[in-house]
Amino acid sequence: MTTIIASTNRPDSYTLKIAEYYQKHLHEMGHEANILSLTDLPEGIIHPAMYEKQKLESFEILQSKITATDKFLFIIPEYNGSFPGILKVLIDACRFPESFYGKKAALVGVSTGKYGNIRGVDHFTGICHYMNLNVLPLKLHIPNIHKELNEAGEFFKEDTLKFTRQQMEQFILF
């Protein structure tokens, strides 16, 4: 199973729109993928016992989806020069090693600035490597995201279309 993680809990985000774009186009390429938006994380996920064996019962549904996932596609917005803290909370709340160990991931950085979250994707790559999550070498960085999507939520710039398609093709074969 493939899971696309919209890595913010901000409602109506560009991150979720891009996750939906990837899901639609992967489906058109014959590859099914589910979306996990971090807006769906249970309230109260941050509690002292999250690092112990005492997980929230409401988190177990998400944990089951993550455990069943073979490939992850992370859409990662830039927050303060890195990735959102809520993404780290998700990683920390998941069981180790079965959640990510030995599985595969593709990374897409997005920002309203001009660098497309290069630092955040680099930071998250280090975490992936620590968890033994194999990362697709083609990592995308999409800057000025607010200028990249049309009204239908589709990319329309030639370079972005080319590289997102190339990444999806590689991800399917990965």
C-alpha atoms as a PDB file:
ATOM      1  CA  MET A   1       0.000   0.000   0.000  1.00  0.00           C
ATOM      2  CA  THR A   2       1.127   3.561  -0.727  1.00  0.00           C
ATOM      3  CA  THR A   3       0.330   6.433   1.604  1.00  0.00           C
ATOM      4  CA  ILE A   4       0.762  10.090   0.705  1.00  0.00           C
ATOM      5  CA  ILE A   5       1.326  12.126   3.852  1.00  0.00           C
ATOM      6  CA  ALA A   6       0.209  15.751   3.736  1.00  0.00           C
ATOM      7  CA  SER A   7       2.709  16.825   6.386  1.00  0.00           C
ATOM      8  CA  THR A   8       0.875  19.709   8.057  1.00  0.00           C
ATOM      9  CA  ASN A   9      -2.181  20.037  10.224  1.00  0.00           C
ATOM     10  CA  ARG A  10      -3.052  23.408   8.710  1.00  0.00           C
ATOM     11  CA  PRO A  11      -6.567  23.219   7.222  1.00  0.00           C
ATOM     12  CA  ASP A  12      -7.019  23.808   3.467  1.00  0.00           C
ATOM     13  CA  SER A  13      -3.269  23.838   2.859  1.00  0.00           C
ATOM     14  CA  TYR A  14      -1.358  23.798  -0.406  1.00  0.00           C
ATOM     15  CA  THR A  15       0.243  20.656   1.004  1.00  0.00           C
ATOM     16  CA  LEU A  16      -3.076  18.799   0.928  1.00  0.00           C
ATOM     17  CA  LYS A  17      -3.815  20.093  -2.587  1.00  0.00           C
ATOM     18  CA  ILE A  18      -0.486  18.717  -3.781  1.00  0.00           C
ATOM     19  CA  ALA A  19      -1.139  15.398  -2.030  1.00  0.00           C
ATOM     20  CA  GLU A  20      -4.449  15.217  -3.918  1.00  0.00           C
ATOM     21  CA  TYR A  21      -2.657  16.082  -7.174  1.00  0.00           C
ATOM     22  CA  TYR A  22      -0.162  13.241  -6.647  1.00  0.00           C
ATOM     23  CA  GLN A  23      -2.929  10.822  -5.689  1.00  0.00           C
ATOM     24  CA  LYS A  24      -4.926  11.640  -8.820  1.00  0.00           C
ATOM     25  CA  HIS A  25      -1.964  11.320 -11.166  1.00  0.00           C
ATOM     26  CA  LEU A  26      -0.579   8.183  -9.545  1.00  0.00           C
ATOM     27  CA  HIS A  27      -4.043   6.660  -9.965  1.00  0.00           C
ATOM     28  CA  GLU A  28      -4.029   7.629 -13.661  1.00  0.00           C
ATOM     29  CA  MET A  29      -0.669   5.834 -13.918  1.00  0.00           C
ATOM     30  CA  GLY A  30      -2.217   2.677 -12.408  1.00  0.00           C
ATOM     31  CA  HIS A  31      -0.835   3.119  -8.869  1.00  0.00           C
ATOM     32  CA  GLU A  32      -3.300   3.423  -5.989  1.00  0.00           C
ATOM     33  CA  ALA A  33      -2.436   5.662  -3.058  1.00  0.00           C
ATOM     34  CA  ASN A  34      -4.235   6.827   0.065  1.00  0.00           C
ATOM     35  CA  ILE A  35      -3.821  10.233   1.661  1.00  0.00           C
ATOM     36  CA  LEU A  36      -3.063  10.737   5.322  1.00  0.00           C
ATOM     37  CA  SER A  37      -3.518  14.392   6.204  1.00  0.00           C
ATOM     38  CA  LEU A  38      -2.020  15.392   9.510  1.00  0.00           C
ATOM     39  CA  THR A  39      -5.232  17.340  10.102  1.00  0.00           C
ATOM     40  CA  ASP A  40      -6.599  13.852  10.901  1.00  0.00           C
ATOM     41  CA  LEU A  41      -4.290  13.285  13.859  1.00  0.00           C
ATOM     42  CA  PRO A  42      -6.293  12.794  17.048  1.00  0.00           C
ATOM     43  CA  GLU A  43      -6.583  15.627  19.512  1.00  0.00           C
ATOM     44  CA  GLY A  44      -4.365  15.051  22.481  1.00  0.00           C
ATOM     45  CA  ILE A  45      -1.739  13.185  20.466  1.00  0.00           C
ATOM     46  CA  ILE A  46       0.940  15.127  22.305  1.00  0.00           C
ATOM     47  CA  HIS A  47       1.026  13.737  25.833  1.00  0.00           C
ATOM     48  CA  PRO A  48       3.864  12.497  28.047  1.00  0.00           C
ATOM     49  CA  ALA A  49       2.989   8.824  27.621  1.00  0.00           C
ATOM     50  CA  MET A  50       3.214   8.989  23.810  1.00  0.00           C
ATOM     51  CA  TYR A  51       6.850   7.939  24.097  1.00  0.00           C
ATOM     52  CA  GLU A  52       5.915   4.901  26.151  1.00  0.00           C
ATOM     53  CA  LYS A  53       3.701   1.991  25.237  1.00  0.00           C
ATOM     54  CA  GLN A  54       0.596   4.021  26.153  1.00  0.00           C
ATOM     55  CA  LYS A  55      -0.639   5.270  22.784  1.00  0.00           C
ATOM     56  CA  LEU A  56      -3.957   6.985  22.319  1.00  0.00           C
ATOM     57  CA  GLU A  57      -6.615   4.507  21.306  1.00  0.00           C
ATOM     58  CA  SER A  58      -7.739   6.939  18.587  1.00  0.00           C
ATOM     59  CA  PHE A  59      -4.214   6.835  17.084  1.00  0.00           C
ATOM     60  CA  GLU A  60      -4.342   3.074  16.515  1.00  0.00           C
ATOM     61  CA  ILE A  61      -6.375   3.496  13.274  1.00  0.00           C
ATOM     62  CA  LEU A  62      -3.609   5.683  11.831  1.00  0.00           C
ATOM     63  CA  GLN A  63      -0.920   3.377  13.212  1.00  0.00           C
ATOM     64  CA  SER A  64      -2.538   0.444  11.390  1.00  0.00           C
ATOM     65  CA  LYS A  65      -2.476   2.373   8.105  1.00  0.00           C
ATOM     66  CA  ILE A  66       1.163   3.309   8.572  1.00  0.00           C
ATOM     67  CA  THR A  67       2.178  -0.231   9.494  1.00  0.00           C
ATOM     68  CA  ALA A  68       0.395  -1.563   6.374  1.00  0.00           C
ATOM     69  CA  THR A  69       2.129   0.979   4.108  1.00  0.00           C
ATOM     70  CA  ASP A  70       5.057  -0.149   1.942  1.00  0.00           C
ATOM     71  CA  LYS A  71       5.742   3.215   0.299  1.00  0.00           C
ATOM     72  CA  PHE A  72       5.309   6.744   1.611  1.00  0.00           C
ATOM     73  CA  LEU A  73       5.195   9.964  -0.345  1.00  0.00           C
ATOM     74  CA  PHE A  74       5.738  12.923   1.976  1.00  0.00           C
ATOM     75  CA  ILE A  75       4.575  16.366   0.871  1.00  0.00           C
ATOM     76  CA  ILE A  76       6.527  18.635   3.214  1.00  0.00           C
ATOM     77  CA  PRO A  77       5.835  22.360   3.570  1.00  0.00           C
ATOM     78  CA  GLU A  78       8.469  24.734   4.882  1.00  0.00           C
ATOM     79  CA  TYR A  79       7.929  25.864   8.456  1.00  0.00           C
ATOM     80  CA  ASN A  80      10.623  28.176   9.820  1.00  0.00           C
ATOM     81  CA  GLY A  81      13.357  26.814   7.564  1.00  0.00           C
ATOM     82  CA  SER A  82      12.524  23.155   8.147  1.00  0.00           C
ATOM     83  CA  PHE A  83       9.507  20.852   8.266  1.00  0.00           C
ATOM     84  CA  PRO A  84       6.416  21.116  10.497  1.00  0.00           C
ATOM     85  CA  GLY A  85       6.786  19.907  14.069  1.00  0.00           C
ATOM     86  CA  ILE A  86       3.554  17.954  13.709  1.00  0.00           C
ATOM     87  CA  LEU A  87       5.346  15.681  11.193  1.00  0.00           C
ATOM     88  CA  LYS A  88       7.969  14.895  13.841  1.00  0.00           C
ATOM     89  CA  VAL A  89       5.163  14.233  16.331  1.00  0.00           C
ATOM     90  CA  LEU A  90       3.679  11.705  13.876  1.00  0.00           C
ATOM     91  CA  ILE A  91       7.046   9.966  13.503  1.00  0.00           C
ATOM     92  CA  ASP A  92       7.589   9.938  17.277  1.00  0.00           C
ATOM     93  CA  ALA A  93       4.078   8.594  17.960  1.00  0.00           C
ATOM     94  CA  CYS A  94       4.483   5.666  15.548  1.00  0.00           C
ATOM     95  CA  ARG A  95       5.787   2.308  16.698  1.00  0.00           C
ATOM     96  CA  PHE A  96       9.386   1.555  15.841  1.00  0.00           C
ATOM     97  CA  PRO A  97      10.655  -0.303  13.875  1.00  0.00           C
ATOM     98  CA  GLU A  98       7.557  -1.651  12.104  1.00  0.00           C
ATOM     99  CA  SER A  99       6.218   1.736  11.013  1.00  0.00           C
ATOM    100  CA  PHE A 100       9.044   2.789   8.688  1.00  0.00           C
ATOM    101  CA  TYR A 101      12.027   0.409   8.919  1.00  0.00           C
ATOM    102  CA  GLY A 102      13.071  -0.959   5.506  1.00  0.00           C
ATOM    103  CA  LYS A 103      10.223   0.762   3.667  1.00  0.00           C
ATOM    104  CA  LYS A 104      10.442   3.327   0.851  1.00  0.00           C
ATOM    105  CA  ALA A 105       9.703   7.042   0.591  1.00  0.00           C
ATOM    106  CA  ALA A 106       9.651   9.902  -1.867  1.00  0.00           C
ATOM    107  CA  LEU A 107       9.942  13.501  -0.673  1.00  0.00           C
ATOM    108  CA  VAL A 108       8.446  16.699  -2.075  1.00  0.00           C
ATOM    109  CA  GLY A 109       9.282  20.033  -0.466  1.00  0.00           C
ATOM    110  CA  VAL A 110       7.015  23.027  -0.977  1.00  0.00           C
ATOM    111  CA  SER A 111       7.196  26.641   0.085  1.00  0.00           C
ATOM    112  CA  THR A 112       5.831  30.049  -0.748  1.00  0.00           C
ATOM    113  CA  GLY A 113       9.455  31.219  -0.833  1.00  0.00           C
ATOM    114  CA  LYS A 114      11.992  30.671  -3.577  1.00  0.00           C
ATOM    115  CA  TYR A 115      13.753  27.523  -2.337  1.00  0.00           C
ATOM    116  CA  GLY A 116      11.005  24.910  -2.122  1.00  0.00           C
ATOM    117  CA  ASN A 117      11.919  23.778   1.403  1.00  0.00           C
ATOM    118  CA  ILE A 118      15.394  22.515   0.554  1.00  0.00           C
ATOM    119  CA  ARG A 119      16.485  22.604   4.214  1.00  0.00           C
ATOM    120  CA  GLY A 120      13.344  20.931   5.532  1.00  0.00           C
ATOM    121  CA  VAL A 121      13.608  18.082   3.030  1.00  0.00           C
ATOM    122  CA  ASP A 122      17.287  17.701   3.907  1.00  0.00           C
ATOM    123  CA  HIS A 123      16.457  17.611   7.634  1.00  0.00           C
ATOM    124  CA  PHE A 124      13.706  15.062   7.047  1.00  0.00           C
ATOM    125  CA  THR A 125      15.994  12.942   4.851  1.00  0.00           C
ATOM    126  CA  GLY A 126      18.334  12.576   7.831  1.00  0.00           C
ATOM    127  CA  ILE A 127      15.439  11.330   9.966  1.00  0.00           C
ATOM    128  CA  CYS A 128      14.418   8.891   7.221  1.00  0.00           C
ATOM    129  CA  HIS A 129      17.937   7.495   7.076  1.00  0.00           C
ATOM    130  CA  TYR A 130      18.034   7.093  10.855  1.00  0.00           C
ATOM    131  CA  MET A 131      14.783   5.081  10.707  1.00  0.00           C
ATOM    132  CA  ASN A 132      16.161   3.014   7.790  1.00  0.00           C
ATOM    133  CA  LEU A 133      13.471   4.431   5.499  1.00  0.00           C
ATOM    134  CA  ASN A 134      14.858   4.237   1.950  1.00  0.00           C
ATOM    135  CA  VAL A 135      14.487   7.568   0.143  1.00  0.00           C
ATOM    136  CA  LEU A 136      14.026   7.925  -3.619  1.00  0.00           C
ATOM    137  CA  PRO A 137      17.026   9.922  -4.885  1.00  0.00           C
ATOM    138  CA  LEU A 138      14.833  12.331  -6.901  1.00  0.00           C
ATOM    139  CA  LYS A 139      13.583  14.753  -4.251  1.00  0.00           C
ATOM    140  CA  LEU A 140      11.538  17.680  -5.535  1.00  0.00           C
ATOM    141  CA  HIS A 141      11.562  21.232  -4.225  1.00  0.00           C
ATOM    142  CA  ILE A 142       8.659  23.338  -5.455  1.00  0.00           C
ATOM    143  CA  PRO A 143       9.042  27.051  -4.671  1.00  0.00           C
ATOM    144  CA  ASN A 144       6.376  29.754  -4.898  1.00  0.00           C
ATOM    145  CA  ILE A 145       3.694  27.118  -4.473  1.00  0.00           C
ATOM    146  CA  HIS A 146       0.980  29.767  -4.428  1.00  0.00           C
ATOM    147  CA  LYS A 147       1.835  30.465  -8.093  1.00  0.00           C
ATOM    148  CA  GLU A 148       2.147  26.826  -9.224  1.00  0.00           C
ATOM    149  CA  LEU A 149      -1.441  25.539  -9.132  1.00  0.00           C
ATOM    150  CA  ASN A 150      -4.359  26.585 -11.310  1.00  0.00           C
ATOM    151  CA  GLU A 151      -7.971  26.895 -10.122  1.00  0.00           C
ATOM    152  CA  ALA A 152      -8.494  23.144 -10.597  1.00  0.00           C
ATOM    153  CA  GLY A 153      -5.587  22.311  -8.267  1.00  0.00           C
ATOM    154  CA  GLU A 154      -3.349  21.191 -11.136  1.00  0.00           C
ATOM    155  CA  PHE A 155       0.227  22.155 -11.858  1.00  0.00           C
ATOM    156  CA  PHE A 156       0.483  23.980 -15.161  1.00  0.00           C
ATOM    157  CA  LYS A 157       4.114  25.100 -15.487  1.00  0.00           C
ATOM    158  CA  GLU A 158       6.099  22.930 -17.895  1.00  0.00           C
ATOM    159  CA  ASP A 159       9.071  22.244 -15.592  1.00  0.00           C
ATOM    160  CA  THR A 160       6.885  21.340 -12.620  1.00  0.00           C
ATOM    161  CA  LEU A 161       4.774  18.999 -14.746  1.00  0.00           C
ATOM    162  CA  LYS A 162       7.915  17.360 -16.130  1.00  0.00           C
ATOM    163  CA  PHE A 163       9.602  16.777 -12.777  1.00  0.00           C
ATOM    164  CA  THR A 164       6.503  15.679 -10.844  1.00  0.00           C
ATOM    165  CA  ARG A 165       5.746  13.154 -13.581  1.00  0.00           C
ATOM    166  CA  GLN A 166       9.346  11.939 -13.583  1.00  0.00           C
ATOM    167  CA  GLN A 167       9.278  11.550  -9.798  1.00  0.00           C
ATOM    168  CA  MET A 168       5.979   9.632  -9.911  1.00  0.00           C
ATOM    169  CA  GLU A 169       7.321   7.282 -12.601  1.00  0.00           C
ATOM    170  CA  GLN A 170      10.448   6.592 -10.532  1.00  0.00           C
ATOM    171  CA  PHE A 171       8.382   6.183  -7.354  1.00  0.00           C
ATOM    172  CA  ILE A 172       6.177   3.528  -8.958  1.00  0.00           C
ATOM    173  CA  LEU A 173       9.257   1.534  -9.982  1.00  0.00           C
ATOM    174  CA  PHE A 174      11.077   2.148  -6.678  1.00  0.00           C
END
